[in-house]
Protein backbone atom coordinates (compact mmCIF):
# COMPACT_ATOMS: atom_id res chain seq x y z
CA MET A 1 21.29 -64.29 -4.51
CA GLN A 2 21.54 -60.74 -4.49
CA THR A 3 22.52 -60.39 -8.18
CA LYS A 4 19.00 -62.27 -8.89
CA PHE A 5 17.01 -60.18 -6.18
CA LYS A 6 18.26 -56.76 -8.42
CA ALA A 7 17.58 -58.18 -11.59
CA TYR A 8 13.67 -59.56 -10.71
CA THR A 9 12.93 -55.96 -9.08
CA GLU A 10 14.84 -54.41 -12.49
CA LEU A 11 12.01 -56.76 -14.59
CA THR A 12 9.27 -55.95 -12.08
CA PHE A 13 9.17 -52.01 -12.55
CA ALA A 14 10.55 -52.60 -15.82
CA MET A 15 7.25 -54.55 -16.84
CA ILE A 16 4.97 -52.22 -14.37
CA ILE A 17 5.59 -49.74 -16.86
CA ALA A 18 5.39 -51.04 -19.61
CA GLY A 19 1.84 -52.39 -17.99
CA SER A 20 0.83 -48.75 -18.17
CA SER A 21 1.55 -48.43 -22.09
CA VAL A 22 -2.07 -49.82 -22.65
CA VAL A 23 -3.86 -47.54 -21.20
CA VAL A 24 -1.69 -44.94 -22.31
CA SER A 25 -1.75 -46.16 -25.51
CA LYS A 26 -5.53 -45.71 -25.81
CA LEU A 27 -5.76 -42.37 -24.69
CA LEU A 28 -3.40 -41.70 -27.84
CA VAL A 29 -5.06 -43.38 -30.26
CA GLN A 30 -8.77 -41.64 -29.16
CA THR A 31 -6.58 -38.16 -30.30
CA LEU A 32 -3.57 -39.11 -32.45
CA PRO A 33 -3.04 -41.87 -35.16
CA VAL A 34 -1.65 -44.61 -34.28
CA PHE A 35 2.13 -43.50 -36.92
CA LEU A 36 2.18 -40.26 -35.69
CA ALA A 37 1.70 -40.98 -32.21
CA SER A 38 4.61 -42.88 -32.17
CA GLU A 39 7.01 -41.15 -34.06
CA CYS A 40 6.01 -38.09 -31.02
CA SER A 41 6.78 -40.73 -28.54
CA LEU A 42 10.33 -42.22 -30.08
CA ILE A 43 11.67 -37.74 -30.50
CA VAL A 44 10.54 -37.40 -27.37
CA ALA A 45 12.66 -40.45 -25.69
CA LEU A 46 15.53 -39.41 -28.03
CA THR A 47 16.33 -36.40 -26.76
CA ILE A 48 16.66 -37.84 -23.13
CA LEU A 49 18.79 -41.27 -25.04
CA VAL A 50 20.97 -39.09 -27.06
CA PRO A 51 22.52 -37.08 -24.53
CA LEU A 52 22.30 -40.25 -21.80
CA THR A 53 24.26 -42.07 -24.57
CA CYS A 54 27.30 -39.69 -25.09
CA MET A 55 27.90 -38.96 -21.59
CA THR A 56 28.37 -42.48 -20.69
CA LYS A 57 30.06 -43.15 -24.40
CA LYS A 58 33.34 -44.75 -23.02
CA ASP A 59 31.79 -47.76 -21.74
CA ILE A 60 30.19 -48.11 -25.05
CA PRO A 61 31.57 -50.76 -27.08
CA LYS A 62 32.35 -51.72 -30.96
CA ILE A 63 29.54 -53.68 -32.45
CA GLY A 64 29.31 -55.51 -35.72
CA ILE A 65 26.68 -56.34 -38.44
CA LYS A 66 26.10 -59.39 -36.39
CA THR A 67 24.91 -58.11 -33.30
CA ILE A 68 23.23 -54.63 -35.26
CA SER A 69 21.31 -57.24 -37.61
CA VAL A 70 19.97 -58.70 -33.53
CA LEU A 71 19.66 -54.39 -32.27
CA PHE A 72 17.28 -54.23 -35.68
CA LEU A 73 15.61 -56.64 -35.55
CA GLN A 74 14.45 -55.86 -31.62
CA SER A 75 13.05 -52.59 -33.02
CA ALA A 76 11.33 -54.10 -35.15
CA THR A 77 9.04 -56.53 -33.62
CA GLY A 78 9.36 -54.73 -29.93
CA ILE A 79 8.96 -51.23 -30.97
CA PHE A 80 7.55 -50.50 -34.55
CA ILE A 81 5.92 -54.02 -34.95
CA PHE A 82 3.91 -53.90 -31.07
CA ARG A 83 3.13 -50.02 -31.43
CA VAL A 84 1.62 -50.80 -34.57
CA PHE A 85 -0.23 -53.76 -34.49
CA LEU A 86 -0.84 -52.41 -29.82
CA PHE A 87 -2.34 -48.93 -31.43
CA PHE A 88 -4.88 -50.12 -34.11
CA GLY A 89 -6.09 -52.87 -32.13
CA LEU A 90 -7.36 -50.80 -29.27
CA LYS A 91 -9.07 -49.21 -32.24
CA PHE A 92 -10.81 -52.07 -32.04
CA THR A 93 -11.32 -53.51 -28.57
CA SER A 94 -10.55 -52.24 -24.90
CA ALA A 95 -7.93 -51.56 -22.45
CA ILE A 96 -9.10 -54.35 -20.37
CA GLU A 97 -9.73 -57.13 -23.27
CA SER A 98 -6.34 -55.80 -24.28
CA SER A 99 -4.77 -56.21 -20.93
CA LEU A 100 -6.43 -59.76 -20.48
CA ILE A 101 -4.64 -61.07 -24.28
CA THR A 102 -0.77 -59.40 -23.21
CA SER A 103 -1.27 -61.82 -20.20
CA THR A 104 -0.32 -65.08 -23.25
CA SER A 105 3.47 -63.05 -23.31
CA PRO A 106 4.75 -64.98 -20.44
CA ALA A 107 3.42 -68.46 -22.55
CA MET A 108 5.14 -67.03 -25.94
CA VAL A 109 8.65 -66.28 -24.14
CA GLY A 110 9.00 -69.73 -22.83
CA LEU A 111 8.40 -71.57 -25.81
CA LEU A 112 10.66 -69.08 -28.20
CA ALA A 113 13.39 -69.11 -26.01
CA PHE A 114 12.72 -73.30 -26.44
CA PHE A 115 12.66 -72.96 -29.31
CA LEU A 116 15.81 -70.60 -30.55
CA LEU A 117 18.09 -70.09 -26.74
CA LYS A 118 16.76 -73.98 -26.32
CA GLU A 119 16.21 -73.01 -22.72
CA LYS A 120 13.81 -76.11 -20.84
CA LEU A 121 10.06 -76.22 -20.80
CA SER A 122 9.92 -76.72 -17.87
CA LEU A 123 5.82 -78.82 -17.22
CA ASN A 124 4.62 -75.90 -14.51
CA ARG A 125 5.34 -74.23 -18.35
CA VAL A 126 3.58 -76.33 -21.12
CA ILE A 127 0.54 -76.59 -18.65
CA GLY A 128 0.88 -72.32 -18.57
CA ILE A 129 0.94 -72.65 -22.21
CA ILE A 130 -2.23 -75.28 -22.45
CA PHE A 131 -4.58 -72.44 -20.04
CA VAL A 132 -3.20 -69.59 -22.09
CA VAL A 133 -4.82 -70.89 -25.17
CA VAL A 134 -7.28 -71.98 -23.67
CA GLY A 135 -7.96 -68.48 -21.58
CA LEU A 136 -7.69 -66.85 -25.22
CA LEU A 137 -10.14 -68.59 -26.62
CA ILE A 138 -12.43 -67.76 -23.43
CA VAL A 139 -11.85 -64.46 -24.39
CA ASN A 140 -12.72 -63.90 -27.85
CA VAL A 141 -15.63 -65.98 -27.17
CA TYR A 142 -17.30 -64.27 -24.30
CA SER A 143 -16.23 -61.21 -26.84
CA SER A 144 -18.50 -62.80 -29.91
CA ALA A 145 -21.69 -63.19 -26.90
CA THR A 146 -21.13 -60.58 -24.90
CA ILE A 147 -20.48 -57.36 -27.53
CA SER A 148 -22.09 -55.71 -30.18
CA SER A 149 -18.91 -55.40 -31.88
CA ASN A 150 -17.87 -58.43 -31.44
CA ILE A 151 -16.04 -59.07 -34.75
CA ASN A 152 -14.12 -55.58 -34.09
CA SER A 153 -13.40 -56.77 -30.95
CA MET A 154 -12.34 -60.38 -32.43
CA LYS A 155 -10.29 -57.91 -35.10
CA GLY A 156 -9.47 -55.90 -31.94
CA ASN A 157 -7.69 -58.78 -29.32
CA ALA A 158 -6.41 -60.66 -33.10
CA LEU A 159 -3.72 -57.30 -33.22
CA ILE A 160 -2.53 -57.32 -29.66
CA LEU A 161 -1.70 -61.21 -29.82
CA ILE A 162 0.43 -60.21 -33.00
CA ALA A 163 1.71 -57.18 -30.90
CA ILE A 164 2.63 -59.15 -27.67
CA ALA A 165 4.18 -62.22 -29.94
CA GLY A 166 6.37 -59.13 -31.08
CA GLU A 167 7.14 -58.12 -28.15
CA ALA A 168 7.99 -61.60 -26.53
CA LEU A 169 10.60 -61.94 -29.65
CA PHE A 170 11.95 -58.57 -28.26
CA SER A 171 12.66 -60.48 -25.42
CA ILE A 172 14.34 -62.97 -26.51
CA LEU A 173 16.39 -61.12 -28.51
CA SER A 174 17.24 -59.15 -25.58
CA LYS A 175 19.43 -61.92 -24.45
CA MET A 176 21.57 -61.72 -27.75
CA THR A 177 23.14 -58.29 -27.13
CA ASN A 178 23.88 -58.83 -23.35
CA ASN A 179 27.31 -56.81 -24.08
CA ILE A 180 26.20 -53.86 -24.93
CA PRO A 181 25.22 -51.10 -21.91
CA PRO A 182 21.86 -50.19 -21.11
CA ILE A 183 21.18 -47.12 -22.31
CA TYR A 184 23.16 -47.58 -25.91
CA ARG A 185 20.74 -50.17 -26.84
CA THR A 186 17.69 -48.62 -25.77
CA THR A 187 18.85 -45.26 -28.03
CA LEU A 188 19.60 -47.41 -30.95
CA ILE A 189 16.96 -49.64 -31.36
CA THR A 190 14.68 -46.20 -30.86
CA LEU A 191 17.11 -44.11 -33.24
CA PHE A 192 16.01 -47.42 -35.36
CA ALA A 193 12.17 -47.69 -34.65
CA ALA A 194 12.06 -43.73 -35.31
CA VAL A 195 13.69 -44.09 -38.55
CA PHE A 196 11.10 -46.97 -39.27
CA PHE A 197 7.68 -44.32 -38.65
CA ILE A 198 9.41 -41.63 -40.65
CA PRO A 199 7.00 -42.33 -44.03
CA PHE A 200 4.23 -43.99 -42.18
CA SER A 201 3.78 -40.71 -39.43
CA ILE A 202 4.89 -38.40 -42.67
CA TYR A 203 1.50 -39.38 -44.02
CA ASP A 204 -0.45 -39.37 -40.97
CA ILE A 205 0.70 -34.95 -40.72
CA LEU A 206 -0.45 -34.64 -43.65
CA HIS A 207 -3.75 -36.13 -43.18
CA PHE A 208 -4.60 -35.12 -39.18
CA ASP A 209 -6.61 -31.77 -38.37
CA PHE A 210 -3.50 -30.63 -35.91
CA THR A 211 -6.49 -28.68 -33.83
CA LYS A 212 -7.76 -31.99 -32.08
CA ILE A 213 -5.29 -32.25 -30.26
CA ASN A 214 -5.47 -31.02 -26.02
CA TYR A 215 -3.77 -31.12 -23.48
CA THR A 216 -4.19 -35.72 -22.04
CA ALA A 217 -1.90 -36.39 -26.38
CA PHE A 218 0.25 -33.76 -25.14
CA LEU A 219 0.72 -35.66 -21.63
CA SER A 220 0.55 -39.20 -23.05
CA ILE A 221 2.87 -38.46 -25.82
CA LEU A 222 5.57 -37.39 -22.60
CA TYR A 223 4.63 -40.74 -20.63
CA TYR A 224 5.56 -42.67 -23.52
CA GLY A 225 8.43 -41.23 -24.42
CA THR A 226 10.02 -41.12 -21.12
CA PHE A 227 8.15 -44.27 -18.83
CA VAL A 228 7.94 -46.51 -21.75
CA SER A 229 10.38 -45.65 -24.90
CA VAL A 230 13.68 -44.33 -22.01
CA ILE A 231 12.82 -45.74 -18.28
CA SER A 232 11.41 -49.29 -18.67
CA TYR A 233 13.65 -50.99 -22.19
CA ILE A 234 16.39 -49.66 -19.88
CA LEU A 235 15.10 -51.45 -16.74
CA TRP A 236 14.52 -55.10 -18.99
CA PHE A 237 17.81 -54.53 -20.26
CA LYS A 238 19.83 -54.90 -17.02
CA GLY A 239 17.55 -57.08 -15.59
CA ILE A 240 17.61 -59.53 -18.14
CA SER A 241 21.43 -59.53 -18.86
CA LYS A 242 21.34 -61.02 -15.67
CA VAL A 243 18.50 -63.94 -16.13
CA PRO A 244 17.90 -66.47 -18.59
CA ALA A 245 15.19 -65.12 -20.66
CA SER A 246 12.35 -67.81 -19.26
CA ASN A 247 12.48 -67.04 -15.91
CA ALA A 248 12.17 -63.18 -17.20
CA ALA A 249 9.09 -63.88 -18.88
CA VAL A 250 7.92 -64.63 -15.60
CA PHE A 251 7.38 -61.00 -15.19
CA THR A 252 6.69 -60.03 -18.57
CA GLY A 253 3.00 -61.56 -17.06
CA ILE A 254 2.87 -57.54 -15.00
CA MET A 255 1.96 -56.47 -18.20
CA SER A 256 -1.30 -57.45 -17.25
């Protein structure tokens, strides 16, 4: 019972921080290009994670190609796909609408846990998934009826939904790497993501006017790199290692 309580506490705080990323992301995309903003936050994260990993290197186990592949997929889905589609989506829709879309995360994780991890899909979860689908339809119909730039809004909502799908797959893959310490896992997926973003961020650097950077963007990068990219991932990895993915899925709703 105490282990579960600790896990639920870690998952709760992880998702509270992750939820704040929507607002911070909105601030970032108003000033910085998407790929450059992501790369900068990942560099901040690595300056914290690499020393932490070196301090705990005695606890680092040997990992094989299969585990590396899972971590690679986690980085691609939970960081690269999630951030790219979230950041671009926020260019077209509001933070409020995007928060409503992120509330679909528990249903997505539940479905993926059923198909990929063979976890049971309860009647309550099935009902919840149905409500999620209905809710998505209402959000998009409401948007098209009340917002003048409804096409852009719906486009943004669709991009946010893809981002959440990537985050859901990340959560499922987390169950496959429980033998790796949370800090080491976070360092590896962050390193992979930083490599993914390099060519795209170079393009942004060549086409961006750096005089547009303000204190808000600078502080947002520091916050995203420290809290969202480091603390939330470490807490998430710690929590999900102790409970079924379908249970952890409930906490992803806190993001909204």
